[in-house]
Amino acid sequence: MLNNIGLPGLLLIAIVVLVLFGRGKISSLMGEVGKGITAFKKGVDDGKKELENEASEMARDVTPEDEKDKV
């Protein structure tokens, strides 16, 4: 269904959206989208760091449970 839109169709959609919402509303919307993308990337990076920290903590302690009790 969406395979046949092409460049003229996309331009027509862009013009209709611009007329309906106005330039100011669209620019503020794009600013919010940018902030959302930035927040998402930060969350992904924080998640990666957290997983790496957990993995490094698990890798540090390789002593078997039996030997921990003896010490």
PDB file of N, CA and C in Angstrom:
ATOM      1  N   MET A   1       0.829  -1.195   0.000  1.00  0.00           N
ATOM      2  CA  MET A   1       0.000   0.000   0.000  1.00  0.00           C
ATOM      3  C   MET A   1       0.869   1.254   0.000  1.00  0.00           C
ATOM      4  N   LEU A   2       1.865   1.327   0.873  1.00  0.00           N
ATOM      5  CA  LEU A   2       2.704   2.518   0.960  1.00  0.00           C
ATOM      6  C   LEU A   2       3.876   2.490  -0.006  1.00  0.00           C
ATOM      7  N   ASN A   3       4.001   1.438  -0.783  1.00  0.00           N
ATOM      8  CA  ASN A   3       5.115   1.321  -1.718  1.00  0.00           C
ATOM      9  C   ASN A   3       4.975   2.260  -2.905  1.00  0.00           C
ATOM     10  N   ASN A   4       3.773   2.719  -3.212  1.00  0.00           N
ATOM     11  CA  ASN A   4       3.533   3.507  -4.412  1.00  0.00           C
ATOM     12  C   ASN A   4       3.381   4.998  -4.139  1.00  0.00           C
ATOM     13  N   ILE A   5       3.775   5.495  -2.964  1.00  0.00           N
ATOM     14  CA  ILE A   5       3.592   6.918  -2.666  1.00  0.00           C
ATOM     15  C   ILE A   5       4.518   7.759  -3.534  1.00  0.00           C
ATOM     16  N   GLY A   6       5.804   7.527  -3.479  1.00  0.00           N
ATOM     17  CA  GLY A   6       6.761   8.261  -4.300  1.00  0.00           C
ATOM     18  C   GLY A   6       7.011   9.665  -3.777  1.00  0.00           C
ATOM     19  N   LEU A   7       7.882  10.377  -4.451  1.00  0.00           N
ATOM     20  CA  LEU A   7       8.273  11.727  -4.050  1.00  0.00           C
ATOM     21  C   LEU A   7       7.121  12.730  -4.165  1.00  0.00           C
ATOM     22  N   PRO A   8       6.346  12.732  -5.259  1.00  0.00           N
ATOM     23  CA  PRO A   8       5.233  13.700  -5.331  1.00  0.00           C
ATOM     24  C   PRO A   8       4.204  13.507  -4.205  1.00  0.00           C
ATOM     25  N   GLY A   9       3.950  12.275  -3.864  1.00  0.00           N
ATOM     26  CA  GLY A   9       3.006  12.006  -2.780  1.00  0.00           C
ATOM     27  C   GLY A   9       3.522  12.491  -1.438  1.00  0.00           C
ATOM     28  N   LEU A  10       4.826  12.269  -1.181  1.00  0.00           N
ATOM     29  CA  LEU A  10       5.414  12.743   0.068  1.00  0.00           C
ATOM     30  C   LEU A  10       5.402  14.267   0.145  1.00  0.00           C
ATOM     31  N   LEU A  11       5.687  14.932  -0.976  1.00  0.00           N
ATOM     32  CA  LEU A  11       5.636  16.397  -0.997  1.00  0.00           C
ATOM     33  C   LEU A  11       4.226  16.909  -0.741  1.00  0.00           C
ATOM     34  N   LEU A  12       3.241  16.264  -1.318  1.00  0.00           N
ATOM     35  CA  LEU A  12       1.854  16.662  -1.100  1.00  0.00           C
ATOM     36  C   LEU A  12       1.466  16.488   0.369  1.00  0.00           C
ATOM     37  N   ILE A  13       1.866  15.390   0.976  1.00  0.00           N
ATOM     38  CA  ILE A  13       1.588  15.159   2.400  1.00  0.00           C
ATOM     39  C   ILE A  13       2.270  16.227   3.252  1.00  0.00           C
ATOM     40  N   ALA A  14       3.526  16.559   2.930  1.00  0.00           N
ATOM     41  CA  ALA A  14       4.255  17.578   3.687  1.00  0.00           C
ATOM     42  C   ALA A  14       3.569  18.934   3.579  1.00  0.00           C
ATOM     43  N   ILE A  15       3.087  19.288   2.401  1.00  0.00           N
ATOM     44  CA  ILE A  15       2.407  20.574   2.213  1.00  0.00           C
ATOM     45  C   ILE A  15       1.100  20.610   2.992  1.00  0.00           C
ATOM     46  N   VAL A  16       0.346  19.534   2.948  1.00  0.00           N
ATOM     47  CA  VAL A  16      -0.923  19.484   3.686  1.00  0.00           C
ATOM     48  C   VAL A  16      -0.678  19.607   5.189  1.00  0.00           C
ATOM     49  N   VAL A  17       0.326  18.925   5.707  1.00  0.00           N
ATOM     50  CA  VAL A  17       0.646  19.011   7.131  1.00  0.00           C
ATOM     51  C   VAL A  17       1.080  20.430   7.487  1.00  0.00           C
ATOM     52  N   LEU A  18       1.877  21.058   6.636  1.00  0.00           N
ATOM     53  CA  LEU A  18       2.330  22.418   6.877  1.00  0.00           C
ATOM     54  C   LEU A  18       1.159  23.391   6.901  1.00  0.00           C
ATOM     55  N   VAL A  19       0.224  23.222   6.000  1.00  0.00           N
ATOM     56  CA  VAL A  19      -0.942  24.105   5.949  1.00  0.00           C
ATOM     57  C   VAL A  19      -1.830  23.891   7.170  1.00  0.00           C
ATOM     58  N   LEU A  20      -2.025  22.630   7.568  1.00  0.00           N
ATOM     59  CA  LEU A  20      -2.914  22.342   8.691  1.00  0.00           C
ATOM     60  C   LEU A  20      -2.349  22.814  10.030  1.00  0.00           C
ATOM     61  N   PHE A  21      -1.073  22.595  10.264  1.00  0.00           N
ATOM     62  CA  PHE A  21      -0.512  22.865  11.578  1.00  0.00           C
ATOM     63  C   PHE A  21       0.285  24.154  11.650  1.00  0.00           C
ATOM     64  N   GLY A  22       0.777  24.661  10.560  1.00  0.00           N
ATOM     65  CA  GLY A  22       1.569  25.881  10.577  1.00  0.00           C
ATOM     66  C   GLY A  22       3.022  25.600  10.897  1.00  0.00           C
ATOM     67  N   ARG A  23       3.885  26.544  10.498  1.00  0.00           N
ATOM     68  CA  ARG A  23       5.319  26.347  10.645  1.00  0.00           C
ATOM     69  C   ARG A  23       5.741  26.325  12.114  1.00  0.00           C
ATOM     70  N   GLY A  24       5.172  27.182  12.942  1.00  0.00           N
ATOM     71  CA  GLY A  24       5.549  27.250  14.361  1.00  0.00           C
ATOM     72  C   GLY A  24       5.227  25.974  15.111  1.00  0.00           C
ATOM     73  N   LYS A  25       4.058  25.442  14.857  1.00  0.00           N
ATOM     74  CA  LYS A  25       3.639  24.214  15.544  1.00  0.00           C
ATOM     75  C   LYS A  25       4.514  23.033  15.132  1.00  0.00           C
ATOM     76  N   ILE A  26       4.849  22.957  13.852  1.00  0.00           N
ATOM     77  CA  ILE A  26       5.676  21.848  13.369  1.00  0.00           C
ATOM     78  C   ILE A  26       7.087  21.955  13.927  1.00  0.00           C
ATOM     79  N   SER A  27       7.647  23.175  13.979  1.00  0.00           N
ATOM     80  CA  SER A  27       9.009  23.318  14.503  1.00  0.00           C
ATOM     81  C   SER A  27       9.063  22.980  15.994  1.00  0.00           C
ATOM     82  N   SER A  28       8.042  23.365  16.746  1.00  0.00           N
ATOM     83  CA  SER A  28       8.031  23.002  18.171  1.00  0.00           C
ATOM     84  C   SER A  28       7.851  21.493  18.342  1.00  0.00           C
ATOM     85  N   LEU A  29       7.077  20.886  17.478  1.00  0.00           N
ATOM     86  CA  LEU A  29       6.896  19.435  17.530  1.00  0.00           C
ATOM     87  C   LEU A  29       8.206  18.716  17.219  1.00  0.00           C
ATOM     88  N   MET A  30       8.936  19.201  16.224  1.00  0.00           N
ATOM     89  CA  MET A  30      10.221  18.583  15.880  1.00  0.00           C
ATOM     90  C   MET A  30      11.232  18.770  17.009  1.00  0.00           C
ATOM     91  N   GLY A  31      11.165  19.905  17.718  1.00  0.00           N
ATOM     92  CA  GLY A  31      12.029  20.109  18.877  1.00  0.00           C
ATOM     93  C   GLY A  31      11.747  19.083  19.964  1.00  0.00           C
ATOM     94  N   GLU A  32      10.474  18.809  20.195  1.00  0.00           N
ATOM     95  CA  GLU A  32      10.094  17.804  21.190  1.00  0.00           C
ATOM     96  C   GLU A  32      10.525  16.407  20.757  1.00  0.00           C
ATOM     97  N   VAL A  33      10.427  16.128  19.468  1.00  0.00           N
ATOM     98  CA  VAL A  33      10.878  14.831  18.960  1.00  0.00           C
ATOM     99  C   VAL A  33      12.383  14.690  19.184  1.00  0.00           C
ATOM    100  N   GLY A  34      13.121  15.762  18.927  1.00  0.00           N
ATOM    101  CA  GLY A  34      14.572  15.741  19.146  1.00  0.00           C
ATOM    102  C   GLY A  34      14.921  15.499  20.603  1.00  0.00           C
ATOM    103  N   LYS A  35      14.194  16.155  21.506  1.00  0.00           N
ATOM    104  CA  LYS A  35      14.430  15.941  22.935  1.00  0.00           C
ATOM    105  C   LYS A  35      14.116  14.497  23.326  1.00  0.00           C
ATOM    106  N   GLY A  36      13.074  13.944  22.746  1.00  0.00           N
ATOM    107  CA  GLY A  36      12.716  12.553  23.031  1.00  0.00           C
ATOM    108  C   GLY A  36      13.778  11.581  22.546  1.00  0.00           C
ATOM    109  N   ILE A  37      14.317  11.836  21.365  1.00  0.00           N
ATOM    110  CA  ILE A  37      15.367  10.971  20.833  1.00  0.00           C
ATOM    111  C   ILE A  37      16.607  11.050  21.707  1.00  0.00           C
ATOM    112  N   THR A  38      16.953  12.277  22.137  1.00  0.00           N
ATOM    113  CA  THR A  38      18.112  12.455  23.007  1.00  0.00           C
ATOM    114  C   THR A  38      17.922  11.715  24.326  1.00  0.00           C
ATOM    115  N   ALA A  39      16.730  11.823  24.914  1.00  0.00           N
ATOM    116  CA  ALA A  39      16.452  11.132  26.168  1.00  0.00           C
ATOM    117  C   ALA A  39      16.499   9.617  25.981  1.00  0.00           C
ATOM    118  N   PHE A  40      16.012   9.138  24.856  1.00  0.00           N
ATOM    119  CA  PHE A  40      16.038   7.699  24.585  1.00  0.00           C
ATOM    120  C   PHE A  40      17.471   7.204  24.477  1.00  0.00           C
ATOM    121  N   LYS A  41      18.311   7.938  23.738  1.00  0.00           N
ATOM    122  CA  LYS A  41      19.710   7.537  23.596  1.00  0.00           C
ATOM    123  C   LYS A  41      20.413   7.538  24.944  1.00  0.00           C
ATOM    124  N   LYS A  42      20.121   8.537  25.780  1.00  0.00           N
ATOM    125  CA  LYS A  42      20.731   8.593  27.112  1.00  0.00           C
ATOM    126  C   LYS A  42      20.286   7.396  27.953  1.00  0.00           C
ATOM    127  N   GLY A  43      19.023   7.043  27.867  1.00  0.00           N
ATOM    128  CA  GLY A  43      18.525   5.886  28.601  1.00  0.00           C
ATOM    129  C   GLY A  43      19.170   4.589  28.140  1.00  0.00           C
ATOM    130  N   VAL A  44      19.362   4.446  26.840  1.00  0.00           N
ATOM    131  CA  VAL A  44      20.016   3.247  26.312  1.00  0.00           C
ATOM    132  C   VAL A  44      21.454   3.178  26.805  1.00  0.00           C
ATOM    133  N   ASP A  45      22.169   4.318  26.770  1.00  0.00           N
ATOM    134  CA  ASP A  45      23.554   4.345  27.244  1.00  0.00           C
ATOM    135  C   ASP A  45      23.638   4.021  28.734  1.00  0.00           C
ATOM    136  N   ASP A  46      22.706   4.575  29.523  1.00  0.00           N
ATOM    137  CA  ASP A  46      22.689   4.278  30.955  1.00  0.00           C
ATOM    138  C   ASP A  46      22.415   2.801  31.205  1.00  0.00           C
ATOM    139  N   GLY A  47      21.523   2.215  30.417  1.00  0.00           N
ATOM    140  CA  GLY A  47      21.229   0.787  30.549  1.00  0.00           C
ATOM    141  C   GLY A  47      22.431  -0.072  30.212  1.00  0.00           C
ATOM    142  N   LYS A  48      23.160   0.317  29.164  1.00  0.00           N
ATOM    143  CA  LYS A  48      24.369  -0.429  28.795  1.00  0.00           C
ATOM    144  C   LYS A  48      25.403  -0.351  29.903  1.00  0.00           C
ATOM    145  N   LYS A  49      25.584   0.843  30.471  1.00  0.00           N
ATOM    146  CA  LYS A  49      26.565   1.015  31.550  1.00  0.00           C
ATOM    147  C   LYS A  49      26.173   0.179  32.761  1.00  0.00           C
ATOM    148  N   GLU A  50      24.886   0.160  33.073  1.00  0.00           N
ATOM    149  CA  GLU A  50      24.415  -0.622  34.217  1.00  0.00           C
ATOM    150  C   GLU A  50      24.658  -2.115  33.995  1.00  0.00           C
ATOM    151  N   LEU A  51      24.380  -2.591  32.796  1.00  0.00           N
ATOM    152  CA  LEU A  51      24.617  -4.004  32.488  1.00  0.00           C
ATOM    153  C   LEU A  51      26.109  -4.334  32.540  1.00  0.00           C
ATOM    154  N   GLU A  52      26.948  -3.430  32.037  1.00  0.00           N
ATOM    155  CA  GLU A  52      28.392  -3.658  32.087  1.00  0.00           C
ATOM    156  C   GLU A  52      28.886  -3.681  33.528  1.00  0.00           C
ATOM    157  N   ASN A  53      28.352  -2.802  34.373  1.00  0.00           N
ATOM    158  CA  ASN A  53      28.748  -2.785  35.780  1.00  0.00           C
ATOM    159  C   ASN A  53      28.348  -4.076  36.482  1.00  0.00           C
ATOM    160  N   GLU A  54      27.137  -4.554  36.202  1.00  0.00           N
ATOM    161  CA  GLU A  54      26.688  -5.810  36.807  1.00  0.00           C
ATOM    162  C   GLU A  54      27.552  -6.977  36.336  1.00  0.00           C
ATOM    163  N   ALA A  55      27.891  -6.982  35.055  1.00  0.00           N
ATOM    164  CA  ALA A  55      28.712  -8.063  34.517  1.00  0.00           C
ATOM    165  C   ALA A  55      30.106  -8.032  35.121  1.00  0.00           C
ATOM    166  N   SER A  56      30.662  -6.839  35.309  1.00  0.00           N
ATOM    167  CA  SER A  56      32.002  -6.753  35.884  1.00  0.00           C
ATOM    168  C   SER A  56      31.985  -7.143  37.361  1.00  0.00           C
ATOM    169  N   GLU A  57      30.923  -6.834  38.084  1.00  0.00           N
ATOM    170  CA  GLU A  57      30.818  -7.241  39.487  1.00  0.00           C
ATOM    171  C   GLU A  57      30.699  -8.755  39.599  1.00  0.00           C
ATOM    172  N   MET A  58      29.952  -9.354  38.689  1.00  0.00           N
ATOM    173  CA  MET A  58      29.802 -10.806  38.720  1.00  0.00           C
ATOM    174  C   MET A  58      31.116 -11.479  38.331  1.00  0.00           C
ATOM    175  N   ALA A  59      31.881 -10.857  37.441  1.00  0.00           N
ATOM    176  CA  ALA A  59      33.144 -11.444  36.992  1.00  0.00           C
ATOM    177  C   ALA A  59      34.217 -11.344  38.075  1.00  0.00           C
ATOM    178  N   ARG A  60      34.132 -10.353  38.937  1.00  0.00           N
ATOM    179  CA  ARG A  60      35.134 -10.177  39.987  1.00  0.00           C
ATOM    180  C   ARG A  60      35.105 -11.316  40.992  1.00  0.00           C
ATOM    181  N   ASP A  61      33.917 -11.691  41.421  1.00  0.00           N
ATOM    182  CA  ASP A  61      33.783 -12.679  42.477  1.00  0.00           C
ATOM    183  C   ASP A  61      33.580 -14.061  41.864  1.00  0.00           C
ATOM    184  N   VAL A  62      34.677 -14.796  41.712  1.00  0.00           N
ATOM    185  CA  VAL A  62      34.595 -16.128  41.124  1.00  0.00           C
ATOM    186  C   VAL A  62      34.866 -17.222  42.153  1.00  0.00           C
ATOM    187  N   THR A  63      34.950 -16.859  43.416  1.00  0.00           N
ATOM    188  CA  THR A  63      35.205 -17.831  44.468  1.00  0.00           C
ATOM    189  C   THR A  63      33.967 -18.710  44.648  1.00  0.00           C
ATOM    190  N   PRO A  64      34.121 -20.018  44.687  1.00  0.00           N
ATOM    191  CA  PRO A  64      32.973 -20.898  44.912  1.00  0.00           C
ATOM    192  C   PRO A  64      32.346 -20.636  46.282  1.00  0.00           C
ATOM    193  N   GLU A  65      31.083 -20.916  46.393  1.00  0.00           N
ATOM    194  CA  GLU A  65      30.340 -20.664  47.635  1.00  0.00           C
ATOM    195  C   GLU A  65      30.925 -21.448  48.815  1.00  0.00           C
ATOM    196  N   ASP A  66      31.414 -22.672  48.592  1.00  0.00           N
ATOM    197  CA  ASP A  66      31.956 -23.493  49.667  1.00  0.00           C
ATOM    198  C   ASP A  66      33.185 -22.848  50.291  1.00  0.00           C
ATOM    199  N   GLU A  67      34.034 -22.271  49.480  1.00  0.00           N
ATOM    200  CA  GLU A  67      35.255 -21.651  49.981  1.00  0.00           C
ATOM    201  C   GLU A  67      34.973 -20.331  50.684  1.00  0.00           C
ATOM    202  N   LYS A  68      33.883 -19.645  50.309  1.00  0.00           N
ATOM    203  CA  LYS A  68      33.518 -18.397  50.977  1.00  0.00           C
ATOM    204  C   LYS A  68      33.140 -18.674  52.440  1.00  0.00           C
ATOM    205  N   ASP A  69      32.444 -19.787  52.670  1.00  0.00           N
ATOM    206  CA  ASP A  69      32.021 -20.135  54.015  1.00  0.00           C
ATOM    207  C   ASP A  69      33.215 -20.491  54.905  1.00  0.00           C
ATOM    208  N   LYS A  70      34.262 -21.058  54.352  1.00  0.00           N
ATOM    209  CA  LYS A  70      35.429 -21.460  55.129  1.00  0.00           C
ATOM    210  C   LYS A  70      36.251 -20.273  55.595  1.00  0.00           C
ATOM    211  N   VAL A  71      36.227 -19.187  54.826  1.00  0.00           N
ATOM    212  CA  VAL A  71      37.065 -18.018  55.141  1.00  0.00           C
ATOM    213  C   VAL A  71      36.456 -17.173  56.183  1.00  0.00           C
TER     214      VAL A  71
END
